[in-house]
Every structure is written in C-alpha cells, then in structure tokens.
Amino acid sequence: MSAAGTGRGRTVPASTREAAGQVIALLTARQQTLAVAESLTGGLLAAALTDIPGASAVFRGAVVAYATSLKVVLLGVPAPMLDACGAVSPEVAGAMADGVRGKLGATFGVATTGVAGPATAEGKPAGTVFVAVSAAGRPVTVGLSLAGTRDDVRQQTVAQALALLLRTLQEEPR
C-alpha cells in the first residue's frame, strides 16, 4: 500500500491523503472552513487533514475528546444524551459535530466516536463506529461496523469520515 508520511511517526494511506486533499481543495475554493471532534481516532483525522499543504487556509482546529466528560465540557454534548445513549451513538456523534462546528466557528464540523477495540465498550463490539458531519446545525450521521485490528478500525474511520464529508460538500449548495 502506498502511503505518505505525516511527520508524526505514522503514515497516511494514499487513498486517505487523496480524500483529505479533495476536502481541502473544495473548502478552499468555496472559502469555507472545517473543524473536527475526535474520540476513537485520537487526532488521526486532524493529522490527515493538516498533512495537506494549504490546509491552514480552511482548517480551524480539532478537539480530541477521548474522555466522555470532555464531550460535555469541550463540545457541549448534553450530559442527559450521554447518559441515555452512551458515548458511542449516532446522537452523540451528531452533537459532537455540531458542537465543534459552533465552538471553533467553522462552516462544517466532523466527528468520530466508536469502539476501536480490541474489547467491547458500553456493550458494543469493537468496530462499532459513528461518524457525523454538521453543516448549519443539520448533522448527518453514518453508523459503521468495521473489522480488523484497532489500528485498522481507526484508519477506516478516518477514511469513512472523509468520504462522508466529501459527499456532504458535493451535495451542499455553495
């Protein structure tokens, strides 16, 4: 598999780098911005995006809210939602995307939450993932059931988040 270095001791798969480049190019052409909220990906999505030259023109920043309590404090996810749904849920993914978009003042917010494994969490098996994209407070969330190692699940989540964002950008009016 072809990959490019991130300068962080990891490599970004070529397909992920290509998708990140397309996202940055579309946002730049539209003069729109992006912020990300990550849980299970732990900064991998932000790293893939900021690995693209020119990302600073559109990438506002990222919040890695790995601890559930930080989803409330930093992203504004309602505590009752977390109590009712758990951190690994489509509702929380959507709230994270909305929260990061609002808190960082971006046109689009993207969020990742899930179970990378190897063990279950919140009664959900490894590979249970939700990614969300928010534009103007209308989150679109996709549930995924991914297979592979912990790293595989995390890398696939980044690829799926970028794919959802690309679809949203292509469908969203300028």
N, C-alpha and C. Protein backbone atom coordinates (compact mmCIF):
# COMPACT_ATOMS: atom_id res chain seq x y z
N MET A 1 0.84 -1.18 0.00
CA MET A 1 0.00 0.00 0.00
C MET A 1 0.88 1.23 0.00
N SER A 2 0.57 2.15 -0.84
CA SER A 2 1.29 3.42 -0.92
C SER A 2 0.86 4.31 0.23
N ALA A 3 1.80 5.01 0.82
CA ALA A 3 1.46 5.89 1.93
C ALA A 3 2.40 7.09 1.94
N ALA A 4 1.95 8.12 2.58
CA ALA A 4 2.76 9.33 2.73
C ALA A 4 2.98 9.58 4.21
N GLY A 5 4.12 10.11 4.57
CA GLY A 5 4.40 10.38 5.96
C GLY A 5 3.65 11.59 6.47
N THR A 6 3.35 11.58 7.77
CA THR A 6 2.69 12.71 8.39
C THR A 6 3.65 13.53 9.22
N GLY A 7 4.86 13.02 9.38
CA GLY A 7 5.79 13.72 10.25
C GLY A 7 5.51 13.43 11.71
N ARG A 8 4.59 12.53 11.98
CA ARG A 8 4.21 12.20 13.35
C ARG A 8 4.50 10.74 13.67
N GLY A 9 5.37 10.11 12.88
CA GLY A 9 5.70 8.72 13.13
C GLY A 9 4.68 7.75 12.57
N ARG A 10 3.69 8.22 11.84
CA ARG A 10 2.67 7.37 11.23
C ARG A 10 2.61 7.69 9.75
N THR A 11 1.98 6.81 9.02
CA THR A 11 1.78 7.07 7.62
C THR A 11 0.28 7.19 7.35
N VAL A 12 -0.04 8.01 6.37
CA VAL A 12 -1.42 8.19 5.93
C VAL A 12 -1.57 7.40 4.64
N PRO A 13 -2.52 6.46 4.57
CA PRO A 13 -2.73 5.73 3.32
C PRO A 13 -2.98 6.70 2.17
N ALA A 14 -2.52 6.33 0.98
CA ALA A 14 -2.64 7.21 -0.19
C ALA A 14 -4.09 7.60 -0.46
N SER A 15 -5.02 6.66 -0.30
CA SER A 15 -6.43 6.98 -0.56
C SER A 15 -6.96 8.00 0.44
N THR A 16 -6.53 7.91 1.68
CA THR A 16 -6.94 8.88 2.69
C THR A 16 -6.34 10.24 2.39
N ARG A 17 -5.07 10.25 2.01
CA ARG A 17 -4.41 11.51 1.65
C ARG A 17 -5.12 12.16 0.46
N GLU A 18 -5.51 11.36 -0.52
CA GLU A 18 -6.23 11.89 -1.68
C GLU A 18 -7.57 12.49 -1.27
N ALA A 19 -8.32 11.79 -0.42
CA ALA A 19 -9.62 12.31 0.04
C ALA A 19 -9.43 13.59 0.85
N ALA A 20 -8.43 13.62 1.72
CA ALA A 20 -8.16 14.82 2.50
C ALA A 20 -7.79 15.99 1.58
N GLY A 21 -7.02 15.71 0.55
CA GLY A 21 -6.67 16.74 -0.42
C GLY A 21 -7.89 17.29 -1.15
N GLN A 22 -8.82 16.41 -1.50
CA GLN A 22 -10.05 16.85 -2.16
C GLN A 22 -10.88 17.72 -1.23
N VAL A 23 -10.97 17.34 0.05
CA VAL A 23 -11.70 18.14 1.04
C VAL A 23 -11.09 19.53 1.14
N ILE A 24 -9.78 19.59 1.31
CA ILE A 24 -9.11 20.89 1.46
C ILE A 24 -9.30 21.74 0.20
N ALA A 25 -9.20 21.12 -0.97
CA ALA A 25 -9.37 21.87 -2.22
C ALA A 25 -10.79 22.42 -2.35
N LEU A 26 -11.80 21.62 -2.04
CA LEU A 26 -13.19 22.09 -2.13
C LEU A 26 -13.46 23.21 -1.14
N LEU A 27 -13.01 23.04 0.09
CA LEU A 27 -13.23 24.08 1.10
C LEU A 27 -12.51 25.37 0.72
N THR A 28 -11.31 25.25 0.20
CA THR A 28 -10.54 26.43 -0.22
C THR A 28 -11.26 27.17 -1.35
N ALA A 29 -11.72 26.42 -2.34
CA ALA A 29 -12.42 27.03 -3.48
C ALA A 29 -13.69 27.75 -3.03
N ARG A 30 -14.33 27.23 -2.00
CA ARG A 30 -15.59 27.80 -1.51
C ARG A 30 -15.40 28.82 -0.39
N GLN A 31 -14.17 28.96 0.05
CA GLN A 31 -13.86 29.84 1.19
C GLN A 31 -14.68 29.44 2.42
N GLN A 32 -14.72 28.14 2.68
CA GLN A 32 -15.41 27.59 3.84
C GLN A 32 -14.39 26.95 4.78
N THR A 33 -14.82 26.68 6.00
CA THR A 33 -13.89 26.17 7.00
C THR A 33 -14.38 24.87 7.63
N LEU A 34 -13.47 24.21 8.32
CA LEU A 34 -13.72 22.89 8.90
C LEU A 34 -13.11 22.79 10.29
N ALA A 35 -13.84 22.11 11.18
CA ALA A 35 -13.33 21.75 12.50
C ALA A 35 -13.70 20.30 12.76
N VAL A 36 -12.88 19.59 13.51
CA VAL A 36 -13.17 18.18 13.79
C VAL A 36 -13.15 17.89 15.29
N ALA A 37 -14.01 16.95 15.67
CA ALA A 37 -14.08 16.44 17.04
C ALA A 37 -13.81 14.94 16.96
N GLU A 38 -12.80 14.49 17.65
CA GLU A 38 -12.42 13.09 17.56
C GLU A 38 -12.44 12.42 18.92
N SER A 39 -12.90 11.18 18.91
CA SER A 39 -12.79 10.34 20.08
C SER A 39 -11.89 9.16 19.71
N LEU A 40 -12.45 8.09 19.14
CA LEU A 40 -11.64 6.89 18.89
C LEU A 40 -10.47 7.12 17.95
N THR A 41 -10.54 8.11 17.07
CA THR A 41 -9.44 8.36 16.13
C THR A 41 -8.30 9.17 16.75
N GLY A 42 -8.52 9.76 17.91
CA GLY A 42 -7.45 10.36 18.69
C GLY A 42 -6.55 11.34 17.96
N GLY A 43 -7.06 12.06 16.98
CA GLY A 43 -6.25 13.05 16.28
C GLY A 43 -5.82 12.61 14.88
N LEU A 44 -6.11 11.37 14.51
CA LEU A 44 -5.71 10.89 13.18
C LEU A 44 -6.40 11.65 12.05
N LEU A 45 -7.66 12.02 12.24
CA LEU A 45 -8.38 12.77 11.20
C LEU A 45 -7.76 14.15 11.03
N ALA A 46 -7.50 14.82 12.13
CA ALA A 46 -6.85 16.14 12.06
C ALA A 46 -5.48 16.03 11.41
N ALA A 47 -4.74 14.97 11.74
CA ALA A 47 -3.41 14.78 11.15
C ALA A 47 -3.51 14.57 9.65
N ALA A 48 -4.48 13.80 9.19
CA ALA A 48 -4.64 13.56 7.75
C ALA A 48 -4.96 14.86 7.03
N LEU A 49 -5.81 15.69 7.62
CA LEU A 49 -6.19 16.96 7.00
C LEU A 49 -5.03 17.95 7.00
N THR A 50 -4.34 18.07 8.12
CA THR A 50 -3.26 19.05 8.21
C THR A 50 -1.99 18.61 7.50
N ASP A 51 -1.95 17.37 7.04
CA ASP A 51 -0.83 16.90 6.23
C ASP A 51 -0.89 17.48 4.82
N ILE A 52 -2.03 18.05 4.44
CA ILE A 52 -2.22 18.60 3.11
C ILE A 52 -1.72 20.05 3.08
N PRO A 53 -0.81 20.39 2.15
CA PRO A 53 -0.36 21.78 2.03
C PRO A 53 -1.55 22.70 1.77
N GLY A 54 -1.57 23.82 2.46
CA GLY A 54 -2.66 24.78 2.30
C GLY A 54 -3.83 24.56 3.24
N ALA A 55 -3.78 23.52 4.05
CA ALA A 55 -4.88 23.23 4.98
C ALA A 55 -5.14 24.38 5.95
N SER A 56 -4.11 25.14 6.26
CA SER A 56 -4.27 26.22 7.25
C SER A 56 -5.26 27.28 6.78
N ALA A 57 -5.53 27.35 5.50
CA ALA A 57 -6.50 28.33 4.99
C ALA A 57 -7.93 27.97 5.36
N VAL A 58 -8.19 26.68 5.64
CA VAL A 58 -9.57 26.24 5.88
C VAL A 58 -9.76 25.44 7.16
N PHE A 59 -8.71 24.86 7.70
CA PHE A 59 -8.84 24.00 8.88
C PHE A 59 -8.74 24.85 10.14
N ARG A 60 -9.84 24.96 10.89
CA ARG A 60 -9.89 25.79 12.09
C ARG A 60 -9.20 25.12 13.27
N GLY A 61 -9.39 23.82 13.42
CA GLY A 61 -8.78 23.13 14.54
C GLY A 61 -9.54 21.86 14.88
N ALA A 62 -9.09 21.22 15.96
CA ALA A 62 -9.67 19.94 16.36
C ALA A 62 -9.74 19.85 17.88
N VAL A 63 -10.69 19.06 18.33
CA VAL A 63 -10.81 18.73 19.75
C VAL A 63 -10.78 17.21 19.84
N VAL A 64 -9.81 16.67 20.57
CA VAL A 64 -9.78 15.24 20.84
C VAL A 64 -10.39 15.06 22.22
N ALA A 65 -11.66 14.69 22.21
CA ALA A 65 -12.41 14.50 23.46
C ALA A 65 -12.55 13.00 23.69
N TYR A 66 -11.48 12.39 24.13
CA TYR A 66 -11.45 10.94 24.33
C TYR A 66 -12.27 10.57 25.56
N ALA A 67 -12.15 11.33 26.61
CA ALA A 67 -12.93 11.09 27.83
C ALA A 67 -14.35 11.58 27.63
N THR A 68 -15.30 10.79 28.09
CA THR A 68 -16.72 11.13 27.93
C THR A 68 -17.04 12.49 28.53
N SER A 69 -16.49 12.81 29.69
CA SER A 69 -16.79 14.08 30.34
C SER A 69 -16.36 15.27 29.49
N LEU A 70 -15.31 15.11 28.70
CA LEU A 70 -14.85 16.21 27.85
C LEU A 70 -15.79 16.47 26.67
N LYS A 71 -16.55 15.47 26.30
CA LYS A 71 -17.55 15.68 25.25
C LYS A 71 -18.58 16.70 25.71
N VAL A 72 -18.87 16.69 27.00
CA VAL A 72 -19.81 17.66 27.58
C VAL A 72 -19.12 19.01 27.73
N VAL A 73 -17.97 19.03 28.39
CA VAL A 73 -17.28 20.27 28.74
C VAL A 73 -16.77 21.03 27.51
N LEU A 74 -16.13 20.32 26.59
CA LEU A 74 -15.50 21.00 25.46
C LEU A 74 -16.38 21.13 24.23
N LEU A 75 -17.31 20.17 24.05
CA LEU A 75 -18.10 20.15 22.82
C LEU A 75 -19.57 20.48 23.03
N GLY A 76 -19.99 20.56 24.29
CA GLY A 76 -21.39 20.89 24.56
C GLY A 76 -22.37 19.76 24.32
N VAL A 77 -21.90 18.52 24.29
CA VAL A 77 -22.81 17.39 24.17
C VAL A 77 -23.63 17.33 25.46
N PRO A 78 -24.95 17.29 25.37
CA PRO A 78 -25.77 17.26 26.58
C PRO A 78 -25.50 16.01 27.43
N ALA A 79 -25.24 16.21 28.71
CA ALA A 79 -24.99 15.09 29.62
C ALA A 79 -26.15 14.09 29.62
N PRO A 80 -27.41 14.55 29.61
CA PRO A 80 -28.51 13.58 29.57
C PRO A 80 -28.48 12.70 28.31
N MET A 81 -28.00 13.25 27.21
CA MET A 81 -27.88 12.46 25.98
C MET A 81 -26.85 11.36 26.17
N LEU A 82 -25.72 11.71 26.76
CA LEU A 82 -24.68 10.71 27.01
C LEU A 82 -25.18 9.64 27.97
N ASP A 83 -25.92 10.05 28.99
CA ASP A 83 -26.48 9.09 29.95
C ASP A 83 -27.46 8.14 29.27
N ALA A 84 -28.28 8.67 28.39
CA ALA A 84 -29.32 7.87 27.74
C ALA A 84 -28.78 7.01 26.60
N CYS A 85 -27.87 7.57 25.80
CA CYS A 85 -27.43 6.90 24.57
C CYS A 85 -26.06 6.27 24.66
N GLY A 86 -25.22 6.78 25.56
CA GLY A 86 -23.83 6.36 25.61
C GLY A 86 -23.00 7.18 24.63
N ALA A 87 -21.70 7.18 24.85
CA ALA A 87 -20.80 7.97 24.01
C ALA A 87 -20.69 7.42 22.59
N VAL A 88 -20.97 6.14 22.44
CA VAL A 88 -20.89 5.51 21.12
C VAL A 88 -22.31 5.39 20.57
N SER A 89 -22.76 6.47 19.96
CA SER A 89 -24.13 6.52 19.45
C SER A 89 -24.22 7.55 18.33
N PRO A 90 -25.21 7.40 17.46
CA PRO A 90 -25.36 8.39 16.39
C PRO A 90 -25.73 9.77 16.93
N GLU A 91 -26.50 9.80 18.01
CA GLU A 91 -26.89 11.08 18.60
C GLU A 91 -25.68 11.86 19.10
N VAL A 92 -24.78 11.15 19.78
CA VAL A 92 -23.59 11.81 20.32
C VAL A 92 -22.65 12.24 19.19
N ALA A 93 -22.51 11.41 18.16
CA ALA A 93 -21.67 11.81 17.02
C ALA A 93 -22.20 13.10 16.41
N GLY A 94 -23.51 13.19 16.22
CA GLY A 94 -24.10 14.41 15.65
C GLY A 94 -23.90 15.61 16.55
N ALA A 95 -24.07 15.42 17.85
CA ALA A 95 -23.88 16.51 18.81
C ALA A 95 -22.42 16.96 18.86
N MET A 96 -21.50 16.02 18.74
CA MET A 96 -20.07 16.37 18.70
C MET A 96 -19.76 17.21 17.47
N ALA A 97 -20.30 16.81 16.31
CA ALA A 97 -20.05 17.56 15.07
C ALA A 97 -20.65 18.96 15.16
N ASP A 98 -21.87 19.06 15.68
CA ASP A 98 -22.50 20.38 15.89
C ASP A 98 -21.67 21.22 16.85
N GLY A 99 -21.25 20.59 17.95
CA GLY A 99 -20.52 21.31 18.99
C GLY A 99 -19.20 21.86 18.51
N VAL A 100 -18.42 21.05 17.81
CA VAL A 100 -17.11 21.52 17.35
C VAL A 100 -17.27 22.59 16.28
N ARG A 101 -18.28 22.45 15.44
CA ARG A 101 -18.53 23.46 14.41
C ARG A 101 -18.82 24.80 15.07
N GLY A 102 -19.69 24.79 16.08
CA GLY A 102 -20.05 26.02 16.77
C GLY A 102 -18.92 26.58 17.60
N LYS A 103 -18.26 25.74 18.39
CA LYS A 103 -17.20 26.21 19.30
C LYS A 103 -15.99 26.76 18.55
N LEU A 104 -15.67 26.17 17.39
CA LEU A 104 -14.49 26.61 16.65
C LEU A 104 -14.85 27.54 15.49
N GLY A 105 -16.13 27.86 15.35
CA GLY A 105 -16.55 28.83 14.35
C GLY A 105 -16.30 28.39 12.92
N ALA A 106 -16.63 27.15 12.60
CA ALA A 106 -16.38 26.60 11.27
C ALA A 106 -17.69 26.43 10.49
N THR A 107 -17.56 26.37 9.19
CA THR A 107 -18.70 26.10 8.32
C THR A 107 -19.17 24.66 8.50
N PHE A 108 -18.23 23.74 8.62
CA PHE A 108 -18.52 22.31 8.76
C PHE A 108 -17.84 21.75 10.00
N GLY A 109 -18.52 20.82 10.66
CA GLY A 109 -17.95 20.07 11.77
C GLY A 109 -18.01 18.60 11.44
N VAL A 110 -16.97 17.87 11.78
CA VAL A 110 -16.92 16.42 11.57
C VAL A 110 -16.59 15.78 12.90
N ALA A 111 -17.22 14.64 13.19
CA ALA A 111 -16.96 13.95 14.46
C ALA A 111 -16.81 12.45 14.25
N THR A 112 -15.99 11.85 15.12
CA THR A 112 -15.83 10.40 15.14
C THR A 112 -16.01 9.91 16.57
N THR A 113 -16.76 8.83 16.74
CA THR A 113 -16.89 8.18 18.03
C THR A 113 -17.12 6.70 17.79
N GLY A 114 -16.62 5.87 18.68
CA GLY A 114 -16.81 4.44 18.49
C GLY A 114 -15.91 3.60 19.36
N VAL A 115 -15.85 2.33 19.02
CA VAL A 115 -15.06 1.35 19.76
C VAL A 115 -14.00 0.80 18.83
N ALA A 116 -12.75 1.17 19.08
CA ALA A 116 -11.65 0.69 18.23
C ALA A 116 -11.23 -0.73 18.61
N GLY A 117 -11.47 -1.11 19.84
CA GLY A 117 -11.13 -2.46 20.28
C GLY A 117 -9.80 -2.48 21.01
N PRO A 118 -9.38 -3.63 21.39
CA PRO A 118 -9.91 -4.92 20.97
C PRO A 118 -11.15 -5.37 21.76
N ALA A 119 -11.40 -4.77 22.91
CA ALA A 119 -12.53 -5.20 23.74
C ALA A 119 -13.79 -4.39 23.43
N THR A 120 -14.90 -4.84 23.95
CA THR A 120 -16.15 -4.10 23.81
C THR A 120 -16.13 -2.89 24.73
N ALA A 121 -17.02 -1.94 24.46
CA ALA A 121 -17.19 -0.76 25.32
C ALA A 121 -18.67 -0.41 25.28
N GLU A 122 -19.22 -0.09 26.41
CA GLU A 122 -20.64 0.25 26.52
C GLU A 122 -21.51 -0.87 25.95
N GLY A 123 -21.02 -2.10 26.02
CA GLY A 123 -21.76 -3.23 25.49
C GLY A 123 -21.75 -3.34 23.97
N LYS A 124 -20.94 -2.51 23.33
CA LYS A 124 -20.86 -2.51 21.86
C LYS A 124 -19.55 -3.16 21.44
N PRO A 125 -19.61 -3.97 20.38
CA PRO A 125 -18.40 -4.66 19.95
C PRO A 125 -17.39 -3.73 19.28
N ALA A 126 -16.15 -4.16 19.30
CA ALA A 126 -15.11 -3.43 18.58
C ALA A 126 -15.53 -3.31 17.13
N GLY A 127 -15.28 -2.13 16.55
CA GLY A 127 -15.65 -1.87 15.17
C GLY A 127 -16.96 -1.12 15.04
N THR A 128 -17.66 -0.91 16.16
CA THR A 128 -18.88 -0.10 16.14
C THR A 128 -18.46 1.36 16.13
N VAL A 129 -18.82 2.07 15.07
CA VAL A 129 -18.33 3.44 14.87
C VAL A 129 -19.46 4.31 14.33
N PHE A 130 -19.43 5.57 14.73
CA PHE A 130 -20.34 6.57 14.16
C PHE A 130 -19.51 7.77 13.74
N VAL A 131 -19.75 8.24 12.51
CA VAL A 131 -19.14 9.47 12.03
C VAL A 131 -20.26 10.43 11.66
N ALA A 132 -20.02 11.71 11.87
CA ALA A 132 -21.04 12.71 11.59
C ALA A 132 -20.42 13.93 10.96
N VAL A 133 -21.21 14.59 10.13
CA VAL A 133 -20.84 15.88 9.54
C VAL A 133 -21.97 16.84 9.82
N SER A 134 -21.63 18.02 10.30
CA SER A 134 -22.62 19.05 10.59
C SER A 134 -22.36 20.27 9.72
N ALA A 135 -23.43 20.73 9.09
CA ALA A 135 -23.40 21.98 8.34
C ALA A 135 -24.66 22.74 8.74
N ALA A 136 -24.49 23.94 9.29
CA ALA A 136 -25.63 24.76 9.70
C ALA A 136 -26.55 24.03 10.67
N GLY A 137 -25.96 23.24 11.58
CA GLY A 137 -26.75 22.60 12.62
C GLY A 137 -27.59 21.43 12.15
N ARG A 138 -27.29 20.89 10.99
CA ARG A 138 -28.02 19.74 10.48
C ARG A 138 -27.05 18.57 10.35
N PRO A 139 -26.81 17.83 11.43
CA PRO A 139 -25.84 16.74 11.33
C PRO A 139 -26.37 15.56 10.53
N VAL A 140 -25.47 14.98 9.75
CA VAL A 140 -25.73 13.73 9.05
C VAL A 140 -24.79 12.72 9.68
N THR A 141 -25.35 11.61 10.14
CA THR A 141 -24.56 10.60 10.85
C THR A 141 -24.64 9.27 10.13
N VAL A 142 -23.51 8.57 10.09
CA VAL A 142 -23.43 7.25 9.49
C VAL A 142 -22.89 6.29 10.53
N GLY A 143 -23.57 5.16 10.67
CA GLY A 143 -23.10 4.09 11.55
C GLY A 143 -22.30 3.09 10.74
N LEU A 144 -21.23 2.60 11.32
CA LEU A 144 -20.34 1.67 10.63
C LEU A 144 -20.07 0.45 11.51
N SER A 145 -19.87 -0.67 10.88
CA SER A 145 -19.44 -1.88 11.55
C SER A 145 -18.15 -2.31 10.85
N LEU A 146 -17.02 -1.99 11.48
CA LEU A 146 -15.72 -2.18 10.84
C LEU A 146 -15.01 -3.40 11.42
N ALA A 147 -14.14 -3.98 10.62
CA ALA A 147 -13.39 -5.16 11.05
C ALA A 147 -11.90 -4.87 11.00
N GLY A 148 -11.15 -5.68 11.72
CA GLY A 148 -9.70 -5.57 11.69
C GLY A 148 -9.14 -5.25 13.06
N THR A 149 -7.86 -4.91 13.06
CA THR A 149 -7.18 -4.56 14.29
C THR A 149 -7.64 -3.18 14.77
N ARG A 150 -7.22 -2.81 15.94
CA ARG A 150 -7.52 -1.49 16.48
C ARG A 150 -7.08 -0.40 15.50
N ASP A 151 -5.87 -0.51 14.99
CA ASP A 151 -5.37 0.47 14.03
C ASP A 151 -6.19 0.47 12.74
N ASP A 152 -6.57 -0.73 12.28
CA ASP A 152 -7.41 -0.82 11.08
C ASP A 152 -8.72 -0.07 11.28
N VAL A 153 -9.36 -0.27 12.41
CA VAL A 153 -10.65 0.39 12.69
C VAL A 153 -10.47 1.90 12.72
N ARG A 154 -9.41 2.37 13.35
CA ARG A 154 -9.17 3.81 13.43
C ARG A 154 -8.89 4.40 12.04
N GLN A 155 -8.07 3.72 11.24
CA GLN A 155 -7.75 4.22 9.89
C GLN A 155 -8.99 4.19 8.99
N GLN A 156 -9.78 3.13 9.08
CA GLN A 156 -11.01 3.04 8.29
C GLN A 156 -12.00 4.14 8.70
N THR A 157 -12.03 4.47 9.99
CA THR A 157 -12.91 5.53 10.47
C THR A 157 -12.52 6.87 9.86
N VAL A 158 -11.23 7.16 9.81
CA VAL A 158 -10.76 8.40 9.18
C VAL A 158 -11.20 8.43 7.72
N ALA A 159 -11.00 7.33 7.01
CA ALA A 159 -11.39 7.27 5.59
C ALA A 159 -12.90 7.48 5.43
N GLN A 160 -13.69 6.87 6.29
CA GLN A 160 -15.14 7.00 6.20
C GLN A 160 -15.61 8.41 6.56
N ALA A 161 -14.96 9.03 7.53
CA ALA A 161 -15.31 10.42 7.89
C ALA A 161 -15.02 11.36 6.72
N LEU A 162 -13.88 11.17 6.08
CA LEU A 162 -13.54 12.00 4.91
C LEU A 162 -14.51 11.74 3.76
N ALA A 163 -14.90 10.50 3.56
CA ALA A 163 -15.85 10.17 2.49
C ALA A 163 -17.20 10.83 2.75
N LEU A 164 -17.67 10.79 4.00
CA LEU A 164 -18.95 11.43 4.34
C LEU A 164 -18.85 12.95 4.15
N LEU A 165 -17.74 13.53 4.55
CA LEU A 165 -17.55 14.96 4.37
C LEU A 165 -17.52 15.32 2.88
N LEU A 166 -16.84 14.54 2.07
CA LEU A 166 -16.80 14.80 0.63
C LEU A 166 -18.20 14.73 0.02
N ARG A 167 -18.97 13.71 0.40
CA ARG A 167 -20.36 13.60 -0.10
C ARG A 167 -21.17 14.82 0.30
N THR A 168 -21.01 15.25 1.54
CA THR A 168 -21.75 16.41 2.04
C THR A 168 -21.35 17.66 1.27
N LEU A 169 -20.06 17.85 1.05
CA LEU A 169 -19.59 19.02 0.31
C LEU A 169 -20.11 19.02 -1.12
N GLN A 170 -20.15 17.85 -1.73
CA GLN A 170 -20.61 17.76 -3.12
C GLN A 170 -22.12 18.00 -3.23
N GLU A 171 -22.88 17.70 -2.15
CA GLU A 171 -24.33 17.89 -2.15
C GLU A 171 -24.75 19.25 -1.64
N GLU A 172 -23.91 19.88 -0.83
CA GLU A 172 -24.24 21.15 -0.17
C GLU A 172 -24.18 22.30 -1.17
N PRO A 173 -25.20 23.14 -1.18
CA PRO A 173 -25.12 24.33 -2.05
C PRO A 173 -23.97 25.23 -1.59
N ARG A 174 -23.36 25.89 -2.53
CA ARG A 174 -22.24 26.79 -2.20
C ARG A 174 -22.76 27.97 -1.52
